[in-house]
Amino acid sequence: MKRFVPVFLLSIALLAAQPGPPSVKELVERFDAAQAKVTSLQAPFTLTIRRALLRTPTVTKGTLYLQSSDFVHFGFAPPEDLILHLTVKELISYSPGAGEGELLKIGMIRNHDRRFLGLGQKLSELSDYFQLSVSEDKEVPGCYLATLLPSSYNLRKRFKVLYLWIDRDKYLPKQVTWVERSGDTWQLELGNLQVNQQLPAAVTGFKVPAGTPMRSEFSFFATRKSK
């Protein structure tokens, strides 16, 4: 038995030496610093919507484009006929095949009211409206899990919790899951992140074709609600 003792002790020492997750303060600082260096981001995405009253989730895929805090652009892959272009002043939903869309002028969006929380935002801003904790997690390999519980009354009416998986090396978001008070969940998974590369001109200069009928609303989320 004695010959196994050193191996056992070595195993314990190696486990003890493995670094744990950073503190909340360290995570916020590293995440914000990484976000500040990103002028553009491009990645394939998978959006999974799970309705509390439905057994089968809705899964759509496409490519996400982000330019600083200027816009987030979702180009959905077929068979989904949809482009979303979200800025701080307006929300655009456009269906190229149908030749119609929606445009909602919103003025400046407050940070805590943005729908796709965790993208293009600082954790220091989100922590003003959420209680933040950080932990190890095996669901998304190579990531830390930041759990954000809403602290304001308005947010608690809409959200139960927001989960943000952060890449351990790049300190950029890899997956965002938000759970609504109704029990519905929206999960956005990002594939390979291409950072600070030139985005397609069709994205940076996105405009709905002239003459396209545009309704004064933004029903992307409402149309997917359970009846």
C-alpha atoms as a PDB file:
ATOM      1  CA  MET A   1       0.000   0.000   0.000  1.00  0.00           C
ATOM      2  CA  LYS A   2       2.833   2.382   0.731  1.00  0.00           C
ATOM      3  CA  ARG A   3       3.875   2.657  -2.903  1.00  0.00           C
ATOM      4  CA  PHE A   4       0.451   4.099  -3.754  1.00  0.00           C
ATOM      5  CA  VAL A   5       0.570   6.842  -1.135  1.00  0.00           C
ATOM      6  CA  PRO A   6       2.790   9.240  -3.146  1.00  0.00           C
ATOM      7  CA  VAL A   7       0.539   8.856  -6.208  1.00  0.00           C
ATOM      8  CA  PHE A   8      -2.524   9.526  -4.082  1.00  0.00           C
ATOM      9  CA  LEU A   9      -0.933  12.595  -2.517  1.00  0.00           C
ATOM     10  CA  LEU A  10       0.176  13.838  -5.940  1.00  0.00           C
ATOM     11  CA  SER A  11      -3.383  13.533  -7.236  1.00  0.00           C
ATOM     12  CA  ILE A  12      -4.702  15.525  -4.299  1.00  0.00           C
ATOM     13  CA  ALA A  13      -2.035  18.180  -4.840  1.00  0.00           C
ATOM     14  CA  LEU A  14      -2.890  18.489  -8.539  1.00  0.00           C
ATOM     15  CA  LEU A  15      -6.576  18.855  -7.784  1.00  0.00           C
ATOM     16  CA  ALA A  16      -5.865  21.474  -5.163  1.00  0.00           C
ATOM     17  CA  ALA A  17      -3.656  23.388  -7.605  1.00  0.00           C
ATOM     18  CA  GLN A  18      -6.343  23.662 -10.271  1.00  0.00           C
ATOM     19  CA  PRO A  19      -7.611  27.256 -10.348  1.00  0.00           C
ATOM     20  CA  GLY A  20     -11.240  27.827  -9.463  1.00  0.00           C
ATOM     21  CA  PRO A  21     -13.515  30.388 -11.078  1.00  0.00           C
ATOM     22  CA  PRO A  22     -12.559  34.054 -10.737  1.00  0.00           C
ATOM     23  CA  SER A  23     -14.286  36.226  -8.204  1.00  0.00           C
ATOM     24  CA  VAL A  24     -17.267  38.281  -9.341  1.00  0.00           C
ATOM     25  CA  LYS A  25     -15.088  41.397  -9.346  1.00  0.00           C
ATOM     26  CA  GLU A  26     -12.410  39.700 -11.464  1.00  0.00           C
ATOM     27  CA  LEU A  27     -14.962  38.293 -13.896  1.00  0.00           C
ATOM     28  CA  VAL A  28     -16.619  41.671 -14.383  1.00  0.00           C
ATOM     29  CA  GLU A  29     -13.279  43.403 -14.957  1.00  0.00           C
ATOM     30  CA  ARG A  30     -12.010  40.776 -17.416  1.00  0.00           C
ATOM     31  CA  PHE A  31     -15.311  40.568 -19.292  1.00  0.00           C
ATOM     32  CA  ASP A  32     -15.624  44.341 -19.603  1.00  0.00           C
ATOM     33  CA  ALA A  33     -12.001  44.649 -20.738  1.00  0.00           C
ATOM     34  CA  ALA A  34     -12.564  41.977 -23.405  1.00  0.00           C
ATOM     35  CA  GLN A  35     -15.779  43.636 -24.586  1.00  0.00           C
ATOM     36  CA  ALA A  36     -14.005  46.990 -24.855  1.00  0.00           C
ATOM     37  CA  LYS A  37     -11.540  45.501 -27.350  1.00  0.00           C
ATOM     38  CA  VAL A  38     -14.252  44.138 -29.630  1.00  0.00           C
ATOM     39  CA  THR A  39     -15.243  46.427 -32.484  1.00  0.00           C
ATOM     40  CA  SER A  40     -16.973  43.670 -34.438  1.00  0.00           C
ATOM     41  CA  LEU A  41     -17.988  40.067 -33.900  1.00  0.00           C
ATOM     42  CA  GLN A  42     -19.329  37.385 -36.201  1.00  0.00           C
ATOM     43  CA  ALA A  43     -20.471  33.898 -35.223  1.00  0.00           C
ATOM     44  CA  PRO A  44     -22.917  31.175 -36.232  1.00  0.00           C
ATOM     45  CA  PHE A  45     -25.813  30.955 -33.800  1.00  0.00           C
ATOM     46  CA  THR A  46     -28.478  28.540 -32.691  1.00  0.00           C
ATOM     47  CA  LEU A  47     -31.567  29.993 -31.048  1.00  0.00           C
ATOM     48  CA  THR A  48     -33.686  27.529 -29.076  1.00  0.00           C
ATOM     49  CA  ILE A  49     -37.058  28.674 -27.746  1.00  0.00           C
ATOM     50  CA  ARG A  50     -38.745  26.439 -25.192  1.00  0.00           C
ATOM     51  CA  ARG A  51     -42.338  27.235 -24.334  1.00  0.00           C
ATOM     52  CA  ALA A  52     -43.673  26.168 -20.960  1.00  0.00           C
ATOM     53  CA  LEU A  53     -46.902  24.867 -22.537  1.00  0.00           C
ATOM     54  CA  LEU A  54     -45.292  23.119 -25.517  1.00  0.00           C
ATOM     55  CA  ARG A  55     -43.249  19.930 -25.560  1.00  0.00           C
ATOM     56  CA  THR A  56     -41.257  20.613 -28.709  1.00  0.00           C
ATOM     57  CA  PRO A  57     -38.833  23.549 -28.745  1.00  0.00           C
ATOM     58  CA  THR A  58     -38.376  25.846 -31.724  1.00  0.00           C
ATOM     59  CA  VAL A  59     -34.805  25.742 -33.071  1.00  0.00           C
ATOM     60  CA  THR A  60     -33.476  28.212 -35.634  1.00  0.00           C
ATOM     61  CA  LYS A  61     -29.966  28.828 -36.905  1.00  0.00           C
ATOM     62  CA  GLY A  62     -28.083  31.529 -38.722  1.00  0.00           C
ATOM     63  CA  THR A  63     -25.247  34.022 -38.373  1.00  0.00           C
ATOM     64  CA  LEU A  64     -24.950  36.789 -35.814  1.00  0.00           C
ATOM     65  CA  TYR A  65     -23.090  40.018 -36.534  1.00  0.00           C
ATOM     66  CA  LEU A  66     -22.305  42.610 -33.876  1.00  0.00           C
ATOM     67  CA  GLN A  67     -20.641  45.974 -34.381  1.00  0.00           C
ATOM     68  CA  SER A  68     -19.595  47.538 -31.102  1.00  0.00           C
ATOM     69  CA  SER A  69     -22.756  48.937 -29.504  1.00  0.00           C
ATOM     70  CA  ASP A  70     -24.091  50.104 -32.880  1.00  0.00           C
ATOM     71  CA  PHE A  71     -26.141  47.077 -33.847  1.00  0.00           C
ATOM     72  CA  VAL A  72     -26.805  43.367 -33.534  1.00  0.00           C
ATOM     73  CA  HIS A  73     -27.778  41.698 -36.814  1.00  0.00           C
ATOM     74  CA  PHE A  74     -29.299  38.209 -37.031  1.00  0.00           C
ATOM     75  CA  GLY A  75     -29.358  36.597 -40.449  1.00  0.00           C
ATOM     76  CA  PHE A  76     -31.513  33.466 -40.126  1.00  0.00           C
ATOM     77  CA  ALA A  77     -30.768  30.440 -42.275  1.00  0.00           C
ATOM     78  CA  PRO A  78     -33.446  28.726 -44.439  1.00  0.00           C
ATOM     79  CA  PRO A  79     -36.135  27.642 -44.041  1.00  0.00           C
ATOM     80  CA  GLU A  80     -36.554  30.669 -41.745  1.00  0.00           C
ATOM     81  CA  ASP A  81     -37.240  33.752 -43.883  1.00  0.00           C
ATOM     82  CA  LEU A  82     -36.073  36.416 -41.482  1.00  0.00           C
ATOM     83  CA  ILE A  83     -33.516  39.141 -40.777  1.00  0.00           C
ATOM     84  CA  LEU A  84     -33.404  41.026 -37.471  1.00  0.00           C
ATOM     85  CA  HIS A  85     -31.456  44.275 -37.254  1.00  0.00           C
ATOM     86  CA  LEU A  86     -31.450  45.789 -33.761  1.00  0.00           C
ATOM     87  CA  THR A  87     -29.975  49.192 -32.947  1.00  0.00           C
ATOM     88  CA  VAL A  88     -30.292  51.548 -29.986  1.00  0.00           C
ATOM     89  CA  LYS A  89     -32.924  53.549 -31.861  1.00  0.00           C
ATOM     90  CA  GLU A  90     -34.982  51.038 -33.826  1.00  0.00           C
ATOM     91  CA  LEU A  91     -35.855  47.383 -34.210  1.00  0.00           C
ATOM     92  CA  ILE A  92     -36.227  45.962 -37.711  1.00  0.00           C
ATOM     93  CA  SER A  93     -37.709  42.617 -38.686  1.00  0.00           C
ATOM     94  CA  TYR A  94     -37.570  41.850 -42.412  1.00  0.00           C
ATOM     95  CA  SER A  95     -38.709  38.855 -44.455  1.00  0.00           C
ATOM     96  CA  PRO A  96     -36.965  38.924 -47.865  1.00  0.00           C
ATOM     97  CA  GLY A  97     -39.144  36.165 -49.304  1.00  0.00           C
ATOM     98  CA  ALA A  98     -42.393  37.787 -48.254  1.00  0.00           C
ATOM     99  CA  GLY A  99     -41.145  41.249 -49.194  1.00  0.00           C
ATOM    100  CA  GLU A 100     -42.445  42.837 -46.004  1.00  0.00           C
ATOM    101  CA  GLY A 101     -41.258  43.750 -42.546  1.00  0.00           C
ATOM    102  CA  GLU A 102     -41.677  45.632 -39.307  1.00  0.00           C
ATOM    103  CA  LEU A 103     -40.017  48.771 -37.986  1.00  0.00           C
ATOM    104  CA  LEU A 104     -40.345  49.986 -34.435  1.00  0.00           C
ATOM    105  CA  LYS A 105     -38.779  53.311 -33.488  1.00  0.00           C
ATOM    106  CA  ILE A 106     -37.779  53.119 -29.845  1.00  0.00           C
ATOM    107  CA  GLY A 107     -35.353  55.954 -29.149  1.00  0.00           C
ATOM    108  CA  MET A 108     -32.494  55.095 -26.831  1.00  0.00           C
ATOM    109  CA  ILE A 109     -32.872  51.688 -25.168  1.00  0.00           C
ATOM    110  CA  ARG A 110     -31.948  51.558 -21.524  1.00  0.00           C
ATOM    111  CA  ASN A 111     -29.257  48.965 -20.877  1.00  0.00           C
ATOM    112  CA  HIS A 112     -31.444  46.806 -18.665  1.00  0.00           C
ATOM    113  CA  ASP A 113     -34.290  46.740 -21.212  1.00  0.00           C
ATOM    114  CA  ARG A 114     -32.342  45.199 -24.071  1.00  0.00           C
ATOM    115  CA  ARG A 115     -33.720  41.870 -25.134  1.00  0.00           C
ATOM    116  CA  PHE A 116     -30.450  40.145 -25.983  1.00  0.00           C
ATOM    117  CA  LEU A 117     -28.736  40.824 -22.694  1.00  0.00           C
ATOM    118  CA  GLY A 118     -25.068  39.935 -22.489  1.00  0.00           C
ATOM    119  CA  LEU A 119     -24.250  40.837 -26.093  1.00  0.00           C
ATOM    120  CA  GLY A 120     -22.305  44.049 -26.561  1.00  0.00           C
ATOM    121  CA  GLN A 121     -22.865  45.067 -22.955  1.00  0.00           C
ATOM    122  CA  LYS A 122     -20.625  45.407 -19.940  1.00  0.00           C
ATOM    123  CA  LEU A 123     -21.213  43.174 -16.954  1.00  0.00           C
ATOM    124  CA  SER A 124     -20.668  46.227 -14.777  1.00  0.00           C
ATOM    125  CA  GLU A 125     -23.793  47.732 -16.399  1.00  0.00           C
ATOM    126  CA  LEU A 126     -25.843  44.555 -16.027  1.00  0.00           C
ATOM    127  CA  SER A 127     -24.775  44.161 -12.407  1.00  0.00           C
ATOM    128  CA  ASP A 128     -26.605  47.412 -11.651  1.00  0.00           C
ATOM    129  CA  TYR A 129     -29.855  45.546 -12.271  1.00  0.00           C
ATOM    130  CA  PHE A 130     -28.899  41.957 -11.447  1.00  0.00           C
ATOM    131  CA  GLN A 131     -27.309  40.081  -8.566  1.00  0.00           C
ATOM    132  CA  LEU A 132     -24.317  38.357 -10.132  1.00  0.00           C
ATOM    133  CA  SER A 133     -22.580  35.130  -9.120  1.00  0.00           C
ATOM    134  CA  VAL A 134     -19.969  33.012 -10.915  1.00  0.00           C
ATOM    135  CA  SER A 135     -19.303  29.279 -10.865  1.00  0.00           C
ATOM    136  CA  GLU A 136     -17.732  26.374 -12.701  1.00  0.00           C
ATOM    137  CA  ASP A 137     -20.014  24.622 -15.167  1.00  0.00           C
ATOM    138  CA  LYS A 138     -19.738  21.566 -17.404  1.00  0.00           C
ATOM    139  CA  GLU A 139     -22.699  22.302 -19.679  1.00  0.00           C
ATOM    140  CA  VAL A 140     -20.640  24.510 -21.973  1.00  0.00           C
ATOM    141  CA  PRO A 141     -16.997  23.299 -22.014  1.00  0.00           C
ATOM    142  CA  GLY A 142     -14.277  25.871 -21.442  1.00  0.00           C
ATOM    143  CA  CYS A 143     -16.616  28.445 -19.939  1.00  0.00           C
ATOM    144  CA  TYR A 144     -17.473  30.053 -16.628  1.00  0.00           C
ATOM    145  CA  LEU A 145     -21.148  30.417 -15.766  1.00  0.00           C
ATOM    146  CA  ALA A 146     -22.392  33.809 -14.644  1.00  0.00           C
ATOM    147  CA  THR A 147     -25.824  33.672 -13.028  1.00  0.00           C
ATOM    148  CA  LEU A 148     -27.749  36.936 -12.927  1.00  0.00           C
ATOM    149  CA  LEU A 149     -30.834  37.260 -10.742  1.00  0.00           C
ATOM    150  CA  PRO A 150     -32.938  40.370 -11.415  1.00  0.00           C
ATOM    151  CA  SER A 151     -32.882  42.848  -8.566  1.00  0.00           C
ATOM    152  CA  SER A 152     -35.313  45.482  -9.832  1.00  0.00           C
ATOM    153  CA  TYR A 153     -39.082  45.073  -9.660  1.00  0.00           C
ATOM    154  CA  ASN A 154     -39.617  45.651 -13.389  1.00  0.00           C
ATOM    155  CA  LEU A 155     -37.091  43.000 -14.341  1.00  0.00           C
ATOM    156  CA  ARG A 156     -38.431  40.504 -11.816  1.00  0.00           C
ATOM    157  CA  LYS A 157     -41.829  40.821 -13.480  1.00  0.00           C
ATOM    158  CA  ARG A 158     -40.286  39.668 -16.786  1.00  0.00           C
ATOM    159  CA  PHE A 159     -37.337  37.444 -15.909  1.00  0.00           C
ATOM    160  CA  LYS A 160     -36.593  34.702 -13.421  1.00  0.00           C
ATOM    161  CA  VAL A 161     -32.908  34.434 -14.196  1.00  0.00           C
ATOM    162  CA  LEU A 162     -30.305  35.115 -16.871  1.00  0.00           C
ATOM    163  CA  TYR A 163     -27.433  32.691 -17.472  1.00  0.00           C
ATOM    164  CA  LEU A 164     -24.331  33.814 -19.302  1.00  0.00           C
ATOM    165  CA  TRP A 165     -21.572  31.382 -20.262  1.00  0.00           C
ATOM    166  CA  ILE A 166     -18.239  33.178 -20.689  1.00  0.00           C
ATOM    167  CA  ASP A 167     -15.234  31.758 -22.532  1.00  0.00           C
ATOM    168  CA  ARG A 168     -12.384  31.149 -20.072  1.00  0.00           C
ATOM    169  CA  ASP A 169      -9.696  32.358 -22.466  1.00  0.00           C
ATOM    170  CA  LYS A 170     -11.350  35.170 -24.420  1.00  0.00           C
ATOM    171  CA  TYR A 171     -13.795  36.301 -21.722  1.00  0.00           C
ATOM    172  CA  LEU A 172     -16.490  36.767 -24.357  1.00  0.00           C
ATOM    173  CA  PRO A 173     -20.027  35.322 -24.281  1.00  0.00           C
ATOM    174  CA  LYS A 174     -20.534  31.858 -25.764  1.00  0.00           C
ATOM    175  CA  GLN A 175     -24.099  31.175 -24.675  1.00  0.00           C
ATOM    176  CA  VAL A 176     -26.925  33.204 -23.181  1.00  0.00           C
ATOM    177  CA  THR A 177     -30.060  31.724 -21.647  1.00  0.00           C
ATOM    178  CA  TRP A 178     -32.802  33.809 -20.149  1.00  0.00           C
ATOM    179  CA  VAL A 179     -35.775  32.347 -18.330  1.00  0.00           C
ATOM    180  CA  GLU A 180     -38.952  34.369 -18.361  1.00  0.00           C
ATOM    181  CA  ARG A 181     -41.416  34.579 -15.487  1.00  0.00           C
ATOM    182  CA  SER A 182     -43.842  32.505 -17.588  1.00  0.00           C
ATOM    183  CA  GLY A 183     -41.337  29.629 -17.627  1.00  0.00           C
ATOM    184  CA  ASP A 184     -40.414  30.110 -21.281  1.00  0.00           C
ATOM    185  CA  THR A 185     -36.685  30.010 -22.027  1.00  0.00           C
ATOM    186  CA  TRP A 186     -34.652  31.572 -24.822  1.00  0.00           C
ATOM    187  CA  GLN A 187     -31.227  30.037 -25.395  1.00  0.00           C
ATOM    188  CA  LEU A 188     -28.724  31.631 -27.768  1.00  0.00           C
ATOM    189  CA  GLU A 189     -25.623  29.541 -28.524  1.00  0.00           C
ATOM    190  CA  LEU A 190     -22.684  31.034 -30.414  1.00  0.00           C
ATOM    191  CA  GLY A 191     -20.237  29.013 -32.494  1.00  0.00           C
ATOM    192  CA  ASN A 192     -16.718  30.039 -33.491  1.00  0.00           C
ATOM    193  CA  LEU A 193     -16.247  33.723 -32.644  1.00  0.00           C
ATOM    194  CA  GLN A 194     -14.559  35.857 -35.312  1.00  0.00           C
ATOM    195  CA  VAL A 195     -13.507  39.058 -33.591  1.00  0.00           C
ATOM    196  CA  ASN A 196     -12.510  42.405 -35.123  1.00  0.00           C
ATOM    197  CA  GLN A 197     -12.800  41.263 -38.720  1.00  0.00           C
ATOM    198  CA  GLN A 198     -14.526  43.209 -41.461  1.00  0.00           C
ATOM    199  CA  LEU A 199     -18.241  42.509 -41.568  1.00  0.00           C
ATOM    200  CA  PRO A 200     -20.095  42.061 -44.869  1.00  0.00           C
ATOM    201  CA  ALA A 201     -21.182  45.305 -46.502  1.00  0.00           C
ATOM    202  CA  ALA A 202     -24.737  43.956 -46.707  1.00  0.00           C
ATOM    203  CA  VAL A 203     -24.752  43.863 -42.902  1.00  0.00           C
ATOM    204  CA  THR A 204     -22.997  47.132 -42.034  1.00  0.00           C
ATOM    205  CA  GLY A 205     -25.044  48.991 -44.636  1.00  0.00           C
ATOM    206  CA  PHE A 206     -28.242  47.058 -44.065  1.00  0.00           C
ATOM    207  CA  LYS A 207     -31.366  48.738 -45.372  1.00  0.00           C
ATOM    208  CA  VAL A 208     -34.772  47.362 -46.148  1.00  0.00           C
ATOM    209  CA  PRO A 209     -35.408  47.734 -49.917  1.00  0.00           C
ATOM    210  CA  ALA A 210     -37.272  50.913 -50.844  1.00  0.00           C
ATOM    211  CA  GLY A 211     -40.988  50.422 -51.185  1.00  0.00           C
ATOM    212  CA  THR A 212     -41.142  47.460 -48.782  1.00  0.00           C
ATOM    213  CA  PRO A 213     -44.358  47.517 -46.708  1.00  0.00           C
ATOM    214  CA  MET A 214     -43.310  48.052 -43.073  1.00  0.00           C
ATOM    215  CA  ARG A 215     -45.662  47.716 -40.126  1.00  0.00           C
ATOM    216  CA  SER A 216     -45.028  49.930 -37.083  1.00  0.00           C
ATOM    217  CA  GLU A 217     -44.428  47.067 -34.650  1.00  0.00           C
ATOM    218  CA  PHE A 218     -41.908  44.381 -33.710  1.00  0.00           C
ATOM    219  CA  SER A 219     -43.658  41.056 -33.201  1.00  0.00           C
ATOM    220  CA  PHE A 220     -40.724  38.633 -33.373  1.00  0.00           C
ATOM    221  CA  PHE A 221     -41.210  37.580 -29.755  1.00  0.00           C
ATOM    222  CA  ALA A 222     -44.977  38.014 -29.570  1.00  0.00           C
ATOM    223  CA  THR A 223     -45.665  35.790 -32.581  1.00  0.00           C
ATOM    224  CA  ARG A 224     -43.898  32.904 -30.862  1.00  0.00           C
ATOM    225  CA  LYS A 225     -45.891  33.039 -27.656  1.00  0.00           C
ATOM    226  CA  SER A 226     -48.019  30.078 -26.737  1.00  0.00           C
ATOM    227  CA  LYS A 227     -51.740  30.538 -27.204  1.00  0.00           C
END
